[in-house]
Amino acid sequence: MVEIVECAPRCEDRCSKTHHRKPCLFYCKYCCAKCLCVPPGTYGNKEVCPCYNDWKTKEGGPKCP
């Protein structure tokens, strides 16, 4: 579990290798604020954060990067 102030730096790490940096950061910070968790690494590992992992779009895809 992370504090809200930790969301930005953790999302910077999470989104550091994507070509879609701006939307990645937006949704990562949005999800972190709700779930108070950001999975480690730049991809995958979502099982570490169940809320982050289980939050889906209307279409059923992942909401959080």
PDB file of N, CA and C in Angstrom:
ATOM      1  N   MET A   1       0.848  -1.172   0.000  1.00  0.00           N
ATOM      2  CA  MET A   1       0.000   0.000   0.000  1.00  0.00           C
ATOM      3  C   MET A   1       0.902   1.246   0.000  1.00  0.00           C
ATOM      4  N   VAL A   2       0.534   2.216  -0.806  1.00  0.00           N
ATOM      5  CA  VAL A   2       1.329   3.444  -0.916  1.00  0.00           C
ATOM      6  C   VAL A   2       0.499   4.652  -0.497  1.00  0.00           C
ATOM      7  N   GLU A   3       1.185   5.705  -0.132  1.00  0.00           N
ATOM      8  CA  GLU A   3       0.534   6.984   0.158  1.00  0.00           C
ATOM      9  C   GLU A   3       0.262   7.663  -1.189  1.00  0.00           C
ATOM     10  N   ILE A   4      -0.742   8.525  -1.224  1.00  0.00           N
ATOM     11  CA  ILE A   4      -1.084   9.239  -2.463  1.00  0.00           C
ATOM     12  C   ILE A   4       0.130   9.980  -3.026  1.00  0.00           C
ATOM     13  N   VAL A   5       0.959  10.567  -2.158  1.00  0.00           N
ATOM     14  CA  VAL A   5       2.125  11.322  -2.627  1.00  0.00           C
ATOM     15  C   VAL A   5       3.157  10.426  -3.318  1.00  0.00           C
ATOM     16  N   GLU A   6       3.087   9.121  -3.091  1.00  0.00           N
ATOM     17  CA  GLU A   6       4.010   8.186  -3.727  1.00  0.00           C
ATOM     18  C   GLU A   6       3.539   7.751  -5.116  1.00  0.00           C
ATOM     19  N   CYS A   7       2.305   8.073  -5.475  1.00  0.00           N
ATOM     20  CA  CYS A   7       1.752   7.630  -6.762  1.00  0.00           C
ATOM     21  C   CYS A   7       2.556   8.162  -7.948  1.00  0.00           C
ATOM     22  N   ALA A   8       2.851   9.459  -7.960  1.00  0.00           N
ATOM     23  CA  ALA A   8       3.542  10.055  -9.110  1.00  0.00           C
ATOM     24  C   ALA A   8       4.894   9.400  -9.387  1.00  0.00           C
ATOM     25  N   PRO A   9       5.787   9.279  -8.398  1.00  0.00           N
ATOM     26  CA  PRO A   9       7.079   8.650  -8.712  1.00  0.00           C
ATOM     27  C   PRO A   9       6.957   7.174  -9.085  1.00  0.00           C
ATOM     28  N   ARG A  10       6.034   6.481  -8.463  1.00  0.00           N
ATOM     29  CA  ARG A  10       5.862   5.059  -8.811  1.00  0.00           C
ATOM     30  C   ARG A  10       5.308   4.906 -10.222  1.00  0.00           C
ATOM     31  N   CYS A  11       4.411   5.810 -10.607  1.00  0.00           N
ATOM     32  CA  CYS A  11       3.865   5.766 -11.967  1.00  0.00           C
ATOM     33  C   CYS A  11       4.916   6.185 -12.993  1.00  0.00           C
ATOM     34  N   GLU A  12       5.796   7.091 -12.630  1.00  0.00           N
ATOM     35  CA  GLU A  12       6.902   7.460 -13.529  1.00  0.00           C
ATOM     36  C   GLU A  12       7.721   6.216 -13.863  1.00  0.00           C
ATOM     37  N   ASP A  13       8.008   5.411 -12.848  1.00  0.00           N
ATOM     38  CA  ASP A  13       8.748   4.162 -13.070  1.00  0.00           C
ATOM     39  C   ASP A  13       7.931   3.189 -13.905  1.00  0.00           C
ATOM     40  N   ARG A  14       6.655   3.030 -13.552  1.00  0.00           N
ATOM     41  CA  ARG A  14       5.777   2.071 -14.231  1.00  0.00           C
ATOM     42  C   ARG A  14       5.661   2.398 -15.721  1.00  0.00           C
ATOM     43  N   CYS A  15       5.582   3.662 -16.054  1.00  0.00           N
ATOM     44  CA  CYS A  15       5.343   4.094 -17.437  1.00  0.00           C
ATOM     45  C   CYS A  15       6.623   4.498 -18.175  1.00  0.00           C
ATOM     46  N   SER A  16       7.774   4.237 -17.611  1.00  0.00           N
ATOM     47  CA  SER A  16       9.031   4.735 -18.167  1.00  0.00           C
ATOM     48  C   SER A  16       9.405   4.145 -19.525  1.00  0.00           C
ATOM     49  N   LYS A  17       8.891   2.979 -19.881  1.00  0.00           N
ATOM     50  CA  LYS A  17       9.309   2.358 -21.142  1.00  0.00           C
ATOM     51  C   LYS A  17       8.237   2.342 -22.228  1.00  0.00           C
ATOM     52  N   THR A  18       7.071   2.904 -21.951  1.00  0.00           N
ATOM     53  CA  THR A  18       6.003   2.883 -22.948  1.00  0.00           C
ATOM     54  C   THR A  18       6.141   4.038 -23.939  1.00  0.00           C
ATOM     55  N   HIS A  19       5.621   3.830 -25.135  1.00  0.00           N
ATOM     56  CA  HIS A  19       5.570   4.902 -26.138  1.00  0.00           C
ATOM     57  C   HIS A  19       4.333   5.770 -25.919  1.00  0.00           C
ATOM     58  N   HIS A  20       3.414   5.299 -25.072  1.00  0.00           N
ATOM     59  CA  HIS A  20       2.166   6.012 -24.776  1.00  0.00           C
ATOM     60  C   HIS A  20       2.245   6.574 -23.359  1.00  0.00           C
ATOM     61  N   ARG A  21       3.277   7.346 -23.120  1.00  0.00           N
ATOM     62  CA  ARG A  21       3.601   7.814 -21.772  1.00  0.00           C
ATOM     63  C   ARG A  21       2.498   8.660 -21.126  1.00  0.00           C
ATOM     64  N   LYS A  22       1.940   9.610 -21.867  1.00  0.00           N
ATOM     65  CA  LYS A  22       0.952  10.517 -21.281  1.00  0.00           C
ATOM     66  C   LYS A  22      -0.300   9.769 -20.800  1.00  0.00           C
ATOM     67  N   PRO A  23      -0.933   8.930 -21.637  1.00  0.00           N
ATOM     68  CA  PRO A  23      -2.098   8.197 -21.126  1.00  0.00           C
ATOM     69  C   PRO A  23      -1.724   7.186 -20.046  1.00  0.00           C
ATOM     70  N   CYS A  24      -0.550   6.589 -20.154  1.00  0.00           N
ATOM     71  CA  CYS A  24      -0.101   5.645 -19.134  1.00  0.00           C
ATOM     72  C   CYS A  24      -0.010   6.341 -17.778  1.00  0.00           C
ATOM     73  N   LEU A  25       0.622   7.498 -17.742  1.00  0.00           N
ATOM     74  CA  LEU A  25       0.758   8.239 -16.486  1.00  0.00           C
ATOM     75  C   LEU A  25      -0.601   8.671 -15.946  1.00  0.00           C
ATOM     76  N   PHE A  26      -1.488   9.135 -16.819  1.00  0.00           N
ATOM     77  CA  PHE A  26      -2.818   9.573 -16.392  1.00  0.00           C
ATOM     78  C   PHE A  26      -3.559   8.429 -15.710  1.00  0.00           C
ATOM     79  N   TYR A  27      -3.635   7.277 -16.381  1.00  0.00           N
ATOM     80  CA  TYR A  27      -4.397   6.159 -15.826  1.00  0.00           C
ATOM     81  C   TYR A  27      -3.686   5.501 -14.649  1.00  0.00           C
ATOM     82  N   CYS A  28      -2.382   5.474 -14.670  1.00  0.00           N
ATOM     83  CA  CYS A  28      -1.641   4.926 -13.537  1.00  0.00           C
ATOM     84  C   CYS A  28      -1.912   5.749 -12.277  1.00  0.00           C
ATOM     85  N   LYS A  29      -1.839   7.069 -12.391  1.00  0.00           N
ATOM     86  CA  LYS A  29      -2.080   7.938 -11.234  1.00  0.00           C
ATOM     87  C   LYS A  29      -3.532   7.841 -10.772  1.00  0.00           C
ATOM     88  N   TYR A  30      -4.454   7.735 -11.718  1.00  0.00           N
ATOM     89  CA  TYR A  30      -5.880   7.588 -11.413  1.00  0.00           C
ATOM     90  C   TYR A  30      -6.113   6.296 -10.636  1.00  0.00           C
ATOM     91  N   CYS A  31      -5.528   5.213 -11.119  1.00  0.00           N
ATOM     92  CA  CYS A  31      -5.685   3.911 -10.471  1.00  0.00           C
ATOM     93  C   CYS A  31      -4.983   3.889  -9.117  1.00  0.00           C
ATOM     94  N   CYS A  32      -3.823   4.491  -9.028  1.00  0.00           N
ATOM     95  CA  CYS A  32      -3.081   4.535  -7.771  1.00  0.00           C
ATOM     96  C   CYS A  32      -3.870   5.304  -6.708  1.00  0.00           C
ATOM     97  N   ALA A  33      -4.498   6.399  -7.092  1.00  0.00           N
ATOM     98  CA  ALA A  33      -5.280   7.190  -6.143  1.00  0.00           C
ATOM     99  C   ALA A  33      -6.441   6.374  -5.579  1.00  0.00           C
ATOM    100  N   LYS A  34      -7.026   5.515  -6.397  1.00  0.00           N
ATOM    101  CA  LYS A  34      -8.146   4.684  -5.943  1.00  0.00           C
ATOM    102  C   LYS A  34      -7.664   3.455  -5.192  1.00  0.00           C
ATOM    103  N   CYS A  35      -6.646   2.801  -5.719  1.00  0.00           N
ATOM    104  CA  CYS A  35      -6.211   1.505  -5.189  1.00  0.00           C
ATOM    105  C   CYS A  35      -5.077   1.608  -4.167  1.00  0.00           C
ATOM    106  N   LEU A  36      -4.382   2.749  -4.150  1.00  0.00           N
ATOM    107  CA  LEU A  36      -3.212   2.953  -3.291  1.00  0.00           C
ATOM    108  C   LEU A  36      -2.167   1.862  -3.492  1.00  0.00           C
ATOM    109  N   CYS A  37      -1.968   1.529  -4.761  1.00  0.00           N
ATOM    110  CA  CYS A  37      -1.002   0.500  -5.124  1.00  0.00           C
ATOM    111  C   CYS A  37      -0.597   0.701  -6.578  1.00  0.00           C
ATOM    112  N   VAL A  38       0.670   0.444  -6.880  1.00  0.00           N
ATOM    113  CA  VAL A  38       1.175   0.415  -8.252  1.00  0.00           C
ATOM    114  C   VAL A  38       2.042  -0.833  -8.354  1.00  0.00           C
ATOM    115  N   PRO A  39       1.760  -1.705  -9.329  1.00  0.00           N
ATOM    116  CA  PRO A  39       2.576  -2.915  -9.455  1.00  0.00           C
ATOM    117  C   PRO A  39       4.035  -2.576  -9.744  1.00  0.00           C
ATOM    118  N   PRO A  40       4.956  -3.404  -9.278  1.00  0.00           N
ATOM    119  CA  PRO A  40       6.375  -3.155  -9.551  1.00  0.00           C
ATOM    120  C   PRO A  40       6.716  -3.410 -11.012  1.00  0.00           C
ATOM    121  N   GLY A  41       7.755  -2.779 -11.483  1.00  0.00           N
ATOM    122  CA  GLY A  41       8.211  -2.993 -12.852  1.00  0.00           C
ATOM    123  C   GLY A  41       7.462  -2.142 -13.853  1.00  0.00           C
ATOM    124  N   THR A  42       7.824  -2.308 -15.123  1.00  0.00           N
ATOM    125  CA  THR A  42       7.219  -1.505 -16.188  1.00  0.00           C
ATOM    126  C   THR A  42       6.071  -2.225 -16.883  1.00  0.00           C
ATOM    127  N   TYR A  43       5.881  -3.515 -16.586  1.00  0.00           N
ATOM    128  CA  TYR A  43       4.831  -4.291 -17.245  1.00  0.00           C
ATOM    129  C   TYR A  43       4.495  -5.503 -16.379  1.00  0.00           C
ATOM    130  N   GLY A  44       3.226  -5.914 -16.412  1.00  0.00           N
ATOM    131  CA  GLY A  44       2.833  -7.117 -15.685  1.00  0.00           C
ATOM    132  C   GLY A  44       2.829  -6.908 -14.178  1.00  0.00           C
ATOM    133  N   ASN A  45       2.944  -7.986 -13.436  1.00  0.00           N
ATOM    134  CA  ASN A  45       2.970  -8.000 -11.964  1.00  0.00           C
ATOM    135  C   ASN A  45       1.704  -7.437 -11.333  1.00  0.00           C
ATOM    136  N   LYS A  46       0.593  -7.382 -12.089  1.00  0.00           N
ATOM    137  CA  LYS A  46      -0.633  -6.784 -11.567  1.00  0.00           C
ATOM    138  C   LYS A  46      -1.253  -7.592 -10.431  1.00  0.00           C
ATOM    139  N   GLU A  47      -0.892  -8.878 -10.322  1.00  0.00           N
ATOM    140  CA  GLU A  47      -1.439  -9.699  -9.242  1.00  0.00           C
ATOM    141  C   GLU A  47      -1.033  -9.170  -7.859  1.00  0.00           C
ATOM    142  N   VAL A  48      -0.003  -8.349  -7.809  1.00  0.00           N
ATOM    143  CA  VAL A  48       0.451  -7.741  -6.551  1.00  0.00           C
ATOM    144  C   VAL A  48      -0.580  -6.730  -6.039  1.00  0.00           C
ATOM    145  N   CYS A  49      -1.338  -6.126  -6.950  1.00  0.00           N
ATOM    146  CA  CYS A  49      -2.340  -5.108  -6.605  1.00  0.00           C
ATOM    147  C   CYS A  49      -3.711  -5.564  -7.106  1.00  0.00           C
ATOM    148  N   PRO A  50      -4.464  -6.326  -6.302  1.00  0.00           N
ATOM    149  CA  PRO A  50      -5.751  -6.855  -6.774  1.00  0.00           C
ATOM    150  C   PRO A  50      -6.713  -5.788  -7.289  1.00  0.00           C
ATOM    151  N   CYS A  51      -6.848  -4.656  -6.593  1.00  0.00           N
ATOM    152  CA  CYS A  51      -7.752  -3.595  -7.045  1.00  0.00           C
ATOM    153  C   CYS A  51      -7.313  -3.082  -8.411  1.00  0.00           C
ATOM    154  N   TYR A  52      -6.042  -2.824  -8.557  1.00  0.00           N
ATOM    155  CA  TYR A  52      -5.446  -2.327  -9.798  1.00  0.00           C
ATOM    156  C   TYR A  52      -5.675  -3.334 -10.919  1.00  0.00           C
ATOM    157  N   ASN A  53      -5.520  -4.609 -10.601  1.00  0.00           N
ATOM    158  CA  ASN A  53      -5.656  -5.684 -11.579  1.00  0.00           C
ATOM    159  C   ASN A  53      -7.108  -5.916 -11.985  1.00  0.00           C
ATOM    160  N   ASP A  54      -8.035  -5.822 -11.045  1.00  0.00           N
ATOM    161  CA  ASP A  54      -9.433  -6.189 -11.293  1.00  0.00           C
ATOM    162  C   ASP A  54     -10.285  -5.059 -11.853  1.00  0.00           C
ATOM    163  N   TRP A  55      -9.784  -3.834 -11.848  1.00  0.00           N
ATOM    164  CA  TRP A  55     -10.553  -2.698 -12.349  1.00  0.00           C
ATOM    165  C   TRP A  55     -10.534  -2.733 -13.869  1.00  0.00           C
ATOM    166  N   LYS A  56     -11.712  -2.867 -14.485  1.00  0.00           N
ATOM    167  CA  LYS A  56     -11.827  -3.036 -15.937  1.00  0.00           C
ATOM    168  C   LYS A  56     -12.593  -1.878 -16.577  1.00  0.00           C
ATOM    169  N   THR A  57     -12.388  -1.713 -17.883  1.00  0.00           N
ATOM    170  CA  THR A  57     -13.150  -0.734 -18.660  1.00  0.00           C
ATOM    171  C   THR A  57     -14.531  -1.313 -18.937  1.00  0.00           C
ATOM    172  N   LYS A  58     -15.410  -0.508 -19.511  1.00  0.00           N
ATOM    173  CA  LYS A  58     -16.744  -0.991 -19.881  1.00  0.00           C
ATOM    174  C   LYS A  58     -16.662  -2.161 -20.849  1.00  0.00           C
ATOM    175  N   GLU A  59     -15.619  -2.153 -21.675  1.00  0.00           N
ATOM    176  CA  GLU A  59     -15.433  -3.212 -22.671  1.00  0.00           C
ATOM    177  C   GLU A  59     -14.799  -4.470 -22.074  1.00  0.00           C
ATOM    178  N   GLY A  60     -14.388  -4.400 -20.813  1.00  0.00           N
ATOM    179  CA  GLY A  60     -13.796  -5.556 -20.152  1.00  0.00           C
ATOM    180  C   GLY A  60     -12.282  -5.614 -20.186  1.00  0.00           C
ATOM    181  N   GLY A  61     -11.652  -4.607 -20.791  1.00  0.00           N
ATOM    182  CA  GLY A  61     -10.193  -4.563 -20.834  1.00  0.00           C
ATOM    183  C   GLY A  61      -9.630  -3.969 -19.554  1.00  0.00           C
ATOM    184  N   PRO A  62      -8.324  -4.033 -19.375  1.00  0.00           N
ATOM    185  CA  PRO A  62      -7.727  -3.472 -18.161  1.00  0.00           C
ATOM    186  C   PRO A  62      -7.808  -1.948 -18.130  1.00  0.00           C
ATOM    187  N   LYS A  63      -8.214  -1.405 -17.006  1.00  0.00           N
ATOM    188  CA  LYS A  63      -8.298   0.052 -16.842  1.00  0.00           C
ATOM    189  C   LYS A  63      -6.922   0.624 -16.483  1.00  0.00           C
ATOM    190  N   CYS A  64      -6.162  -0.145 -15.728  1.00  0.00           N
ATOM    191  CA  CYS A  64      -4.894   0.344 -15.191  1.00  0.00           C
ATOM    192  C   CYS A  64      -3.705  -0.254 -15.938  1.00  0.00           C
ATOM    193  N   PRO A  65      -2.692   0.581 -16.233  1.00  0.00           N
ATOM    194  CA  PRO A  65      -1.529   0.082 -16.984  1.00  0.00           C
ATOM    195  C   PRO A  65      -0.570  -0.737 -16.127  1.00  0.00           C
TER     196      PRO A  65
END
